[in-house]
Amino acid sequence: MPLNNVELLTLGRRIRRARKLLGFSQKAFATKSGLDRSNLGRMERGDLNMNFSFLCDICEGLACDIATVTRGILSLPS
């Protein structure tokens, strides 16, 4: 698995865990955050490389900052 996919999967798992801790289903969280549920699912599985705006919407829904969900996810130089 390329490193980029590992990083996306790690980020997606963190976001899924935070969403579930808040008690939201994917559908409810997507609606609350103004996101498409299928894109949220793809992102949580590490299949979608989201843009900054998408990540901002997710973090707003989780009531956290971007640093909280990305801390420790390193991108090593190629």
N, C-alpha and C. Protein backbone atom coordinates (compact mmCIF):
# COMPACT_ATOMS: atom_id res chain seq x y z
N MET A 1 0.85 -1.18 0.00
CA MET A 1 0.00 0.00 0.00
C MET A 1 0.90 1.24 0.00
N PRO A 2 0.75 2.14 -0.97
CA PRO A 2 1.57 3.36 -0.98
C PRO A 2 1.34 4.18 0.29
N LEU A 3 2.37 4.89 0.70
CA LEU A 3 2.31 5.67 1.93
C LEU A 3 1.12 6.62 1.94
N ASN A 4 0.85 7.26 0.81
CA ASN A 4 -0.26 8.20 0.73
C ASN A 4 -1.57 7.53 1.14
N ASN A 5 -1.79 6.31 0.70
CA ASN A 5 -3.01 5.59 1.06
C ASN A 5 -3.05 5.28 2.55
N VAL A 6 -1.90 4.98 3.14
CA VAL A 6 -1.83 4.70 4.57
C VAL A 6 -2.20 5.96 5.34
N GLU A 7 -1.71 7.09 4.91
CA GLU A 7 -2.02 8.35 5.57
C GLU A 7 -3.50 8.68 5.47
N LEU A 8 -4.08 8.49 4.29
CA LEU A 8 -5.50 8.75 4.11
C LEU A 8 -6.35 7.81 4.95
N LEU A 9 -5.95 6.55 5.03
CA LEU A 9 -6.66 5.58 5.84
C LEU A 9 -6.58 5.94 7.32
N THR A 10 -5.42 6.36 7.78
CA THR A 10 -5.25 6.77 9.17
C THR A 10 -6.16 7.96 9.48
N LEU A 11 -6.17 8.94 8.61
CA LEU A 11 -7.02 10.11 8.80
C LEU A 11 -8.49 9.71 8.81
N GLY A 12 -8.89 8.89 7.87
CA GLY A 12 -10.27 8.45 7.80
C GLY A 12 -10.71 7.70 9.03
N ARG A 13 -9.85 6.84 9.54
CA ARG A 13 -10.18 6.08 10.75
C ARG A 13 -10.33 7.00 11.96
N ARG A 14 -9.48 8.01 12.05
CA ARG A 14 -9.59 8.97 13.15
C ARG A 14 -10.92 9.71 13.08
N ILE A 15 -11.28 10.14 11.89
CA ILE A 15 -12.52 10.89 11.72
C ILE A 15 -13.72 9.99 12.02
N ARG A 16 -13.69 8.75 11.54
CA ARG A 16 -14.79 7.82 11.82
C ARG A 16 -14.94 7.60 13.33
N ARG A 17 -13.81 7.39 14.01
CA ARG A 17 -13.85 7.16 15.45
C ARG A 17 -14.44 8.38 16.18
N ALA A 18 -14.02 9.58 15.79
CA ALA A 18 -14.54 10.80 16.42
C ALA A 18 -16.04 10.96 16.15
N ARG A 19 -16.44 10.70 14.91
CA ARG A 19 -17.86 10.79 14.55
C ARG A 19 -18.70 9.84 15.39
N LYS A 20 -18.23 8.60 15.53
CA LYS A 20 -18.96 7.61 16.30
C LYS A 20 -19.00 7.96 17.78
N LEU A 21 -17.90 8.52 18.31
CA LEU A 21 -17.88 8.94 19.71
C LEU A 21 -18.93 10.02 19.98
N LEU A 22 -19.20 10.84 18.96
CA LEU A 22 -20.23 11.87 19.09
C LEU A 22 -21.63 11.31 18.86
N GLY A 23 -21.71 10.04 18.46
CA GLY A 23 -23.00 9.38 18.30
C GLY A 23 -23.69 9.62 16.97
N PHE A 24 -22.94 10.03 15.95
CA PHE A 24 -23.52 10.30 14.64
C PHE A 24 -23.36 9.12 13.69
N SER A 25 -24.41 8.81 12.96
CA SER A 25 -24.28 7.89 11.82
C SER A 25 -23.62 8.69 10.70
N GLN A 26 -23.16 7.99 9.67
CA GLN A 26 -22.58 8.69 8.52
C GLN A 26 -23.61 9.65 7.92
N LYS A 27 -24.82 9.18 7.76
CA LYS A 27 -25.86 10.00 7.14
C LYS A 27 -26.15 11.25 7.96
N ALA A 28 -26.31 11.09 9.28
CA ALA A 28 -26.61 12.23 10.14
C ALA A 28 -25.46 13.22 10.17
N PHE A 29 -24.23 12.70 10.24
CA PHE A 29 -23.07 13.59 10.28
C PHE A 29 -22.91 14.33 8.95
N ALA A 30 -23.10 13.63 7.85
CA ALA A 30 -22.99 14.27 6.54
C ALA A 30 -24.02 15.39 6.40
N THR A 31 -25.24 15.13 6.83
CA THR A 31 -26.29 16.15 6.77
C THR A 31 -25.93 17.34 7.65
N LYS A 32 -25.50 17.07 8.88
CA LYS A 32 -25.12 18.14 9.82
C LYS A 32 -23.99 18.99 9.26
N SER A 33 -23.04 18.35 8.58
CA SER A 33 -21.84 19.04 8.09
C SER A 33 -21.98 19.57 6.66
N GLY A 34 -23.11 19.27 6.01
CA GLY A 34 -23.31 19.73 4.64
C GLY A 34 -22.47 18.97 3.63
N LEU A 35 -22.21 17.70 3.91
CA LEU A 35 -21.38 16.87 3.04
C LEU A 35 -22.22 15.79 2.37
N ASP A 36 -21.68 15.23 1.31
CA ASP A 36 -22.31 14.09 0.65
C ASP A 36 -21.93 12.83 1.43
N ARG A 37 -22.93 12.03 1.81
CA ARG A 37 -22.67 10.84 2.62
C ARG A 37 -21.72 9.86 1.95
N SER A 38 -21.86 9.69 0.64
CA SER A 38 -20.99 8.73 -0.04
C SER A 38 -19.54 9.21 -0.04
N ASN A 39 -19.32 10.51 -0.17
CA ASN A 39 -17.95 11.03 -0.10
C ASN A 39 -17.38 10.89 1.31
N LEU A 40 -18.22 11.09 2.31
CA LEU A 40 -17.78 10.90 3.70
C LEU A 40 -17.35 9.45 3.90
N GLY A 41 -18.14 8.51 3.40
CA GLY A 41 -17.79 7.09 3.52
C GLY A 41 -16.49 6.76 2.81
N ARG A 42 -16.32 7.30 1.61
CA ARG A 42 -15.07 7.07 0.85
C ARG A 42 -13.88 7.64 1.61
N MET A 43 -14.05 8.81 2.21
CA MET A 43 -12.96 9.44 2.96
C MET A 43 -12.63 8.61 4.20
N GLU A 44 -13.63 8.13 4.91
CA GLU A 44 -13.39 7.32 6.10
C GLU A 44 -12.68 6.01 5.77
N ARG A 45 -12.88 5.49 4.58
CA ARG A 45 -12.20 4.25 4.15
C ARG A 45 -10.82 4.53 3.57
N GLY A 46 -10.44 5.79 3.42
CA GLY A 46 -9.15 6.14 2.85
C GLY A 46 -9.14 6.11 1.34
N ASP A 47 -10.32 6.10 0.73
CA ASP A 47 -10.44 6.03 -0.73
C ASP A 47 -10.57 7.41 -1.38
N LEU A 48 -10.68 8.46 -0.57
CA LEU A 48 -10.88 9.80 -1.12
C LEU A 48 -9.85 10.75 -0.52
N ASN A 49 -9.07 11.37 -1.38
CA ASN A 49 -8.12 12.40 -0.95
C ASN A 49 -8.88 13.72 -0.96
N MET A 50 -9.34 14.13 0.22
CA MET A 50 -10.21 15.30 0.32
C MET A 50 -9.46 16.60 0.15
N ASN A 51 -10.20 17.64 -0.17
CA ASN A 51 -9.59 18.96 -0.25
C ASN A 51 -9.71 19.65 1.11
N PHE A 52 -9.08 20.79 1.22
CA PHE A 52 -9.03 21.52 2.49
C PHE A 52 -10.43 21.91 2.96
N SER A 53 -11.27 22.34 2.04
CA SER A 53 -12.63 22.76 2.40
C SER A 53 -13.42 21.60 3.00
N PHE A 54 -13.30 20.42 2.41
CA PHE A 54 -13.98 19.21 2.92
C PHE A 54 -13.50 18.90 4.33
N LEU A 55 -12.18 18.98 4.54
CA LEU A 55 -11.61 18.71 5.85
C LEU A 55 -12.09 19.76 6.87
N CYS A 56 -12.18 21.01 6.46
CA CYS A 56 -12.70 22.06 7.35
C CYS A 56 -14.14 21.77 7.76
N ASP A 57 -14.97 21.34 6.81
CA ASP A 57 -16.36 21.01 7.12
C ASP A 57 -16.45 19.85 8.10
N ILE A 58 -15.61 18.85 7.92
CA ILE A 58 -15.59 17.71 8.83
C ILE A 58 -15.18 18.16 10.24
N CYS A 59 -14.13 18.94 10.32
CA CYS A 59 -13.65 19.39 11.63
C CYS A 59 -14.66 20.30 12.31
N GLU A 60 -15.37 21.09 11.55
CA GLU A 60 -16.42 21.91 12.13
C GLU A 60 -17.51 21.02 12.72
N GLY A 61 -17.88 19.97 12.00
CA GLY A 61 -18.88 19.03 12.50
C GLY A 61 -18.42 18.28 13.73
N LEU A 62 -17.11 18.03 13.82
CA LEU A 62 -16.55 17.34 14.98
C LEU A 62 -16.22 18.30 16.12
N ALA A 63 -16.34 19.60 15.87
CA ALA A 63 -16.00 20.64 16.84
C ALA A 63 -14.54 20.52 17.29
N CYS A 64 -13.65 20.37 16.30
CA CYS A 64 -12.22 20.31 16.59
C CYS A 64 -11.47 21.06 15.49
N ASP A 65 -10.20 21.27 15.70
CA ASP A 65 -9.41 21.91 14.65
C ASP A 65 -8.70 20.85 13.81
N ILE A 66 -8.20 21.28 12.69
CA ILE A 66 -7.56 20.35 11.75
C ILE A 66 -6.34 19.67 12.38
N ALA A 67 -5.61 20.40 13.19
CA ALA A 67 -4.42 19.82 13.83
C ALA A 67 -4.78 18.60 14.68
N THR A 68 -5.95 18.62 15.29
CA THR A 68 -6.37 17.51 16.14
C THR A 68 -6.49 16.21 15.35
N VAL A 69 -7.05 16.26 14.16
CA VAL A 69 -7.25 15.02 13.39
C VAL A 69 -6.03 14.65 12.55
N THR A 70 -5.12 15.58 12.32
CA THR A 70 -3.96 15.27 11.47
C THR A 70 -2.66 15.09 12.24
N ARG A 71 -2.67 15.37 13.52
CA ARG A 71 -1.44 15.27 14.32
C ARG A 71 -0.79 13.90 14.20
N GLY A 72 0.48 13.89 13.88
CA GLY A 72 1.23 12.64 13.82
C GLY A 72 1.14 11.89 12.52
N ILE A 73 0.34 12.36 11.58
CA ILE A 73 0.27 11.71 10.28
C ILE A 73 1.34 12.37 9.40
N LEU A 74 2.41 11.66 9.21
CA LEU A 74 3.55 12.22 8.50
C LEU A 74 3.58 11.82 7.06
N SER A 75 4.04 12.71 6.23
CA SER A 75 4.28 12.42 4.83
C SER A 75 5.78 12.46 4.62
N LEU A 76 6.35 11.31 4.38
CA LEU A 76 7.78 11.24 4.16
C LEU A 76 8.13 11.62 2.74
N PRO A 77 9.26 12.30 2.54
CA PRO A 77 9.65 12.67 1.16
C PRO A 77 9.84 11.44 0.29
N SER A 78 9.51 11.57 -0.98
CA SER A 78 9.64 10.46 -1.93
C SER A 78 11.08 10.21 -2.27
